[in-house]
Amino acid sequence: MNTCESNAYLEWWANPSTCLARIPVRLTPDLGNTTWNAIVSPALDDDAGDSLQLLIDASPFFTLRFEDDSTTEVEAAHSGDVHCLRLSAAPSPGSGV
């Protein structure tokens, strides 16, 4: 792992008390502190990969939980491989973005 990489978790919450998925990822920052490239690590089996695809299709918004337990809301996208994700910071409610 290079010095720019860090470990984190992508969490998909159905509601404030129910986390349906917690996926370990390796992050590499792309544009400042608002965009990351994420590699699912360890890789998911086919069924889990299909489940991740269903979650992204249902709502691409995840909580990104860093090693220090801080969090930020992100939008996840991929280009055909759910093991390689592009994460972008989601606009804050009321930000007008």
N, C-alpha and C. Protein backbone atom coordinates (compact mmCIF):
# COMPACT_ATOMS: atom_id res chain seq x y z
N MET A 1 0.86 -1.17 0.00
CA MET A 1 0.00 0.00 0.00
C MET A 1 0.90 1.23 0.00
N ASN A 2 0.66 2.17 -0.92
CA ASN A 2 1.50 3.36 -0.95
C ASN A 2 1.04 4.36 0.12
N THR A 3 1.81 5.42 0.32
CA THR A 3 1.54 6.35 1.42
C THR A 3 0.26 7.14 1.24
N CYS A 4 -0.27 7.20 0.03
CA CYS A 4 -1.51 7.94 -0.20
C CYS A 4 -2.75 7.08 0.03
N GLU A 5 -2.56 5.76 0.09
CA GLU A 5 -3.69 4.86 0.28
C GLU A 5 -4.07 4.79 1.75
N SER A 6 -5.35 4.55 1.99
CA SER A 6 -5.83 4.30 3.35
C SER A 6 -6.95 3.28 3.29
N ASN A 7 -7.25 2.70 4.41
CA ASN A 7 -8.34 1.74 4.50
C ASN A 7 -9.57 2.43 5.05
N ALA A 8 -10.73 1.97 4.60
CA ALA A 8 -11.99 2.53 5.07
C ALA A 8 -13.09 1.49 4.84
N TYR A 9 -14.30 1.85 5.21
CA TYR A 9 -15.47 1.01 4.97
C TYR A 9 -16.54 1.83 4.27
N LEU A 10 -17.19 1.21 3.30
CA LEU A 10 -18.40 1.78 2.71
C LEU A 10 -19.57 1.15 3.43
N GLU A 11 -20.46 1.96 3.95
CA GLU A 11 -21.64 1.45 4.66
C GLU A 11 -22.89 1.93 3.95
N TRP A 12 -23.83 1.01 3.77
CA TRP A 12 -25.10 1.34 3.13
C TRP A 12 -26.18 1.17 4.19
N TRP A 13 -26.81 2.29 4.56
CA TRP A 13 -27.79 2.31 5.64
C TRP A 13 -29.21 2.37 5.07
N ALA A 14 -30.06 1.44 5.51
CA ALA A 14 -31.46 1.44 5.11
C ALA A 14 -32.22 2.52 5.87
N ASN A 15 -31.82 2.77 7.11
CA ASN A 15 -32.39 3.81 7.96
C ASN A 15 -31.35 4.10 9.04
N PRO A 16 -31.59 5.06 9.92
CA PRO A 16 -30.55 5.43 10.89
C PRO A 16 -30.08 4.30 11.82
N SER A 17 -30.83 3.21 11.92
CA SER A 17 -30.41 2.15 12.83
C SER A 17 -30.09 0.82 12.13
N THR A 18 -30.20 0.75 10.81
CA THR A 18 -30.01 -0.51 10.11
C THR A 18 -28.99 -0.38 8.98
N CYS A 19 -27.78 -0.89 9.23
CA CYS A 19 -26.74 -0.92 8.20
C CYS A 19 -26.85 -2.24 7.46
N LEU A 20 -27.15 -2.20 6.17
CA LEU A 20 -27.33 -3.41 5.38
C LEU A 20 -26.02 -3.94 4.79
N ALA A 21 -25.02 -3.10 4.68
CA ALA A 21 -23.74 -3.56 4.12
C ALA A 21 -22.60 -2.73 4.70
N ARG A 22 -21.50 -3.42 4.94
CA ARG A 22 -20.25 -2.76 5.39
C ARG A 22 -19.13 -3.41 4.59
N ILE A 23 -18.57 -2.65 3.66
CA ILE A 23 -17.65 -3.20 2.68
C ILE A 23 -16.26 -2.58 2.88
N PRO A 24 -15.23 -3.39 3.12
CA PRO A 24 -13.88 -2.85 3.28
C PRO A 24 -13.33 -2.39 1.93
N VAL A 25 -12.72 -1.21 1.92
CA VAL A 25 -12.13 -0.67 0.69
C VAL A 25 -10.76 -0.08 0.99
N ARG A 26 -9.92 -0.04 -0.06
CA ARG A 26 -8.67 0.71 -0.04
C ARG A 26 -8.90 1.98 -0.83
N LEU A 27 -8.61 3.11 -0.23
CA LEU A 27 -8.87 4.42 -0.86
C LEU A 27 -7.59 5.06 -1.35
N THR A 28 -7.71 5.71 -2.50
CA THR A 28 -6.66 6.59 -3.00
C THR A 28 -7.33 7.91 -3.32
N PRO A 29 -6.90 9.01 -2.70
CA PRO A 29 -7.53 10.30 -2.99
C PRO A 29 -7.28 10.69 -4.45
N ASP A 30 -8.30 11.32 -5.05
CA ASP A 30 -8.17 11.73 -6.43
C ASP A 30 -8.16 13.25 -6.55
N LEU A 31 -9.21 13.89 -6.09
CA LEU A 31 -9.29 15.35 -6.16
C LEU A 31 -9.48 15.91 -4.77
N GLY A 32 -8.39 16.26 -4.13
CA GLY A 32 -8.49 16.83 -2.79
C GLY A 32 -9.11 15.86 -1.81
N ASN A 33 -10.00 16.37 -0.98
CA ASN A 33 -10.67 15.54 0.02
C ASN A 33 -12.11 15.25 -0.36
N THR A 34 -12.44 15.31 -1.66
CA THR A 34 -13.84 15.12 -2.05
C THR A 34 -14.06 14.01 -3.06
N THR A 35 -13.00 13.40 -3.59
CA THR A 35 -13.14 12.32 -4.56
C THR A 35 -12.06 11.27 -4.29
N TRP A 36 -12.47 10.01 -4.32
CA TRP A 36 -11.55 8.91 -4.06
C TRP A 36 -11.77 7.81 -5.08
N ASN A 37 -10.71 7.06 -5.37
CA ASN A 37 -10.82 5.79 -6.07
C ASN A 37 -10.79 4.73 -4.98
N ALA A 38 -11.72 3.80 -5.04
CA ALA A 38 -11.83 2.78 -4.01
C ALA A 38 -11.78 1.40 -4.64
N ILE A 39 -10.97 0.54 -4.07
CA ILE A 39 -10.86 -0.85 -4.48
C ILE A 39 -11.43 -1.70 -3.35
N VAL A 40 -12.44 -2.50 -3.65
CA VAL A 40 -13.00 -3.40 -2.64
C VAL A 40 -11.93 -4.44 -2.31
N SER A 41 -11.58 -4.53 -1.02
CA SER A 41 -10.50 -5.42 -0.63
C SER A 41 -10.79 -6.00 0.75
N PRO A 42 -10.95 -7.30 0.85
CA PRO A 42 -10.76 -8.30 -0.19
C PRO A 42 -11.89 -8.28 -1.21
N ALA A 43 -11.61 -8.84 -2.38
CA ALA A 43 -12.61 -8.87 -3.45
C ALA A 43 -13.85 -9.65 -3.00
N LEU A 44 -14.99 -9.24 -3.51
CA LEU A 44 -16.26 -9.89 -3.17
C LEU A 44 -16.47 -11.11 -4.07
N ASP A 45 -17.16 -12.12 -3.54
CA ASP A 45 -17.55 -13.23 -4.40
C ASP A 45 -18.68 -12.76 -5.32
N ASP A 46 -19.09 -13.59 -6.26
CA ASP A 46 -20.09 -13.18 -7.26
C ASP A 46 -21.40 -12.73 -6.63
N ASP A 47 -21.89 -13.48 -5.63
CA ASP A 47 -23.17 -13.12 -5.00
C ASP A 47 -23.07 -11.78 -4.28
N ALA A 48 -21.98 -11.57 -3.56
CA ALA A 48 -21.81 -10.30 -2.84
C ALA A 48 -21.62 -9.15 -3.82
N GLY A 49 -20.93 -9.40 -4.93
CA GLY A 49 -20.78 -8.37 -5.96
C GLY A 49 -22.12 -8.00 -6.56
N ASP A 50 -22.98 -9.00 -6.79
CA ASP A 50 -24.33 -8.73 -7.31
C ASP A 50 -25.14 -7.93 -6.29
N SER A 51 -24.98 -8.26 -5.00
CA SER A 51 -25.70 -7.52 -3.96
C SER A 51 -25.24 -6.08 -3.90
N LEU A 52 -23.93 -5.85 -4.03
CA LEU A 52 -23.41 -4.48 -4.05
C LEU A 52 -23.99 -3.72 -5.24
N GLN A 53 -24.06 -4.37 -6.39
CA GLN A 53 -24.64 -3.73 -7.57
C GLN A 53 -26.10 -3.35 -7.31
N LEU A 54 -26.86 -4.22 -6.66
CA LEU A 54 -28.26 -3.91 -6.32
C LEU A 54 -28.36 -2.70 -5.39
N LEU A 55 -27.46 -2.63 -4.40
CA LEU A 55 -27.48 -1.49 -3.49
C LEU A 55 -27.16 -0.19 -4.23
N ILE A 56 -26.16 -0.22 -5.11
CA ILE A 56 -25.80 0.98 -5.88
C ILE A 56 -26.97 1.39 -6.77
N ASP A 57 -27.64 0.41 -7.38
CA ASP A 57 -28.80 0.71 -8.23
C ASP A 57 -29.95 1.29 -7.42
N ALA A 58 -30.15 0.79 -6.19
CA ALA A 58 -31.24 1.27 -5.34
C ALA A 58 -30.97 2.70 -4.87
N SER A 59 -29.73 2.96 -4.48
CA SER A 59 -29.31 4.30 -4.06
C SER A 59 -27.79 4.30 -3.99
N PRO A 60 -27.13 5.13 -4.78
CA PRO A 60 -25.68 5.11 -4.81
C PRO A 60 -25.02 5.83 -3.63
N PHE A 61 -25.80 6.24 -2.65
CA PHE A 61 -25.25 7.01 -1.53
C PHE A 61 -24.88 6.10 -0.37
N PHE A 62 -23.62 6.20 0.05
CA PHE A 62 -23.06 5.39 1.12
C PHE A 62 -22.44 6.31 2.16
N THR A 63 -22.22 5.75 3.35
CA THR A 63 -21.40 6.41 4.35
C THR A 63 -20.00 5.85 4.22
N LEU A 64 -19.02 6.72 4.07
CA LEU A 64 -17.62 6.31 4.02
C LEU A 64 -17.04 6.51 5.41
N ARG A 65 -16.64 5.40 6.05
CA ARG A 65 -16.12 5.45 7.42
C ARG A 65 -14.60 5.23 7.36
N PHE A 66 -13.86 6.25 7.78
CA PHE A 66 -12.40 6.21 7.75
C PHE A 66 -11.85 5.47 8.96
N GLU A 67 -10.54 5.19 8.93
CA GLU A 67 -9.89 4.45 10.02
C GLU A 67 -10.05 5.13 11.38
N ASP A 68 -10.13 6.46 11.39
CA ASP A 68 -10.28 7.19 12.67
C ASP A 68 -11.75 7.29 13.11
N ASP A 69 -12.64 6.57 12.42
CA ASP A 69 -14.07 6.50 12.69
C ASP A 69 -14.83 7.76 12.25
N SER A 70 -14.16 8.71 11.61
CA SER A 70 -14.88 9.85 11.04
C SER A 70 -15.61 9.35 9.78
N THR A 71 -16.66 10.07 9.40
CA THR A 71 -17.48 9.64 8.27
C THR A 71 -17.79 10.81 7.35
N THR A 72 -18.11 10.47 6.11
CA THR A 72 -18.64 11.43 5.16
C THR A 72 -19.57 10.67 4.22
N GLU A 73 -20.57 11.37 3.73
CA GLU A 73 -21.50 10.75 2.78
C GLU A 73 -20.91 10.86 1.39
N VAL A 74 -20.97 9.75 0.64
CA VAL A 74 -20.41 9.71 -0.71
C VAL A 74 -21.40 9.09 -1.68
N GLU A 75 -21.21 9.42 -2.95
CA GLU A 75 -21.94 8.77 -4.03
C GLU A 75 -20.97 7.83 -4.72
N ALA A 76 -21.38 6.57 -4.88
CA ALA A 76 -20.52 5.55 -5.49
C ALA A 76 -20.93 5.33 -6.94
N ALA A 77 -19.93 5.19 -7.79
CA ALA A 77 -20.15 4.89 -9.21
C ALA A 77 -19.06 3.92 -9.65
N HIS A 78 -19.36 3.15 -10.68
CA HIS A 78 -18.36 2.25 -11.25
C HIS A 78 -18.58 2.20 -12.76
N SER A 79 -17.59 1.68 -13.45
CA SER A 79 -17.72 1.57 -14.90
C SER A 79 -17.63 0.11 -15.31
N GLY A 80 -18.52 -0.70 -14.75
CA GLY A 80 -18.60 -2.10 -15.13
C GLY A 80 -18.01 -3.08 -14.13
N ASP A 81 -17.22 -2.62 -13.17
CA ASP A 81 -16.61 -3.51 -12.19
C ASP A 81 -16.91 -2.96 -10.79
N VAL A 82 -17.78 -3.64 -10.05
CA VAL A 82 -18.15 -3.14 -8.73
C VAL A 82 -17.02 -3.24 -7.72
N HIS A 83 -15.90 -3.86 -8.10
CA HIS A 83 -14.75 -3.92 -7.21
C HIS A 83 -13.89 -2.66 -7.30
N CYS A 84 -14.12 -1.85 -8.33
CA CYS A 84 -13.39 -0.59 -8.53
C CYS A 84 -14.41 0.53 -8.59
N LEU A 85 -14.46 1.33 -7.53
CA LEU A 85 -15.48 2.36 -7.41
C LEU A 85 -14.86 3.75 -7.42
N ARG A 86 -15.64 4.69 -7.88
CA ARG A 86 -15.28 6.11 -7.82
C ARG A 86 -16.23 6.72 -6.79
N LEU A 87 -15.70 7.31 -5.76
CA LEU A 87 -16.50 7.90 -4.69
C LEU A 87 -16.37 9.41 -4.74
N SER A 88 -17.51 10.09 -4.69
CA SER A 88 -17.53 11.54 -4.68
C SER A 88 -18.32 11.99 -3.46
N ALA A 89 -17.80 12.99 -2.77
CA ALA A 89 -18.51 13.52 -1.61
C ALA A 89 -19.89 13.99 -2.03
N ALA A 90 -20.90 13.56 -1.29
CA ALA A 90 -22.28 13.96 -1.57
C ALA A 90 -22.50 15.36 -1.04
N PRO A 91 -23.31 16.17 -1.76
CA PRO A 91 -23.60 17.49 -1.25
C PRO A 91 -24.31 17.42 0.09
N SER A 92 -23.99 18.35 0.97
CA SER A 92 -24.64 18.41 2.27
C SER A 92 -26.08 18.91 2.09
N PRO A 93 -27.03 18.38 2.89
CA PRO A 93 -28.38 18.91 2.82
C PRO A 93 -28.38 20.40 3.08
N GLY A 94 -29.11 21.14 2.25
CA GLY A 94 -29.19 22.58 2.42
C GLY A 94 -28.04 23.35 1.80
N SER A 95 -27.12 22.63 1.11
CA SER A 95 -25.97 23.32 0.54
C SER A 95 -26.30 23.98 -0.78
N GLY A 96 -27.46 23.63 -1.36
CA GLY A 96 -27.86 24.23 -2.63
C GLY A 96 -27.15 23.63 -3.83
N VAL A 97 -26.38 22.57 -3.62
CA VAL A 97 -25.65 21.94 -4.72
C VAL A 97 -26.43 20.77 -5.26
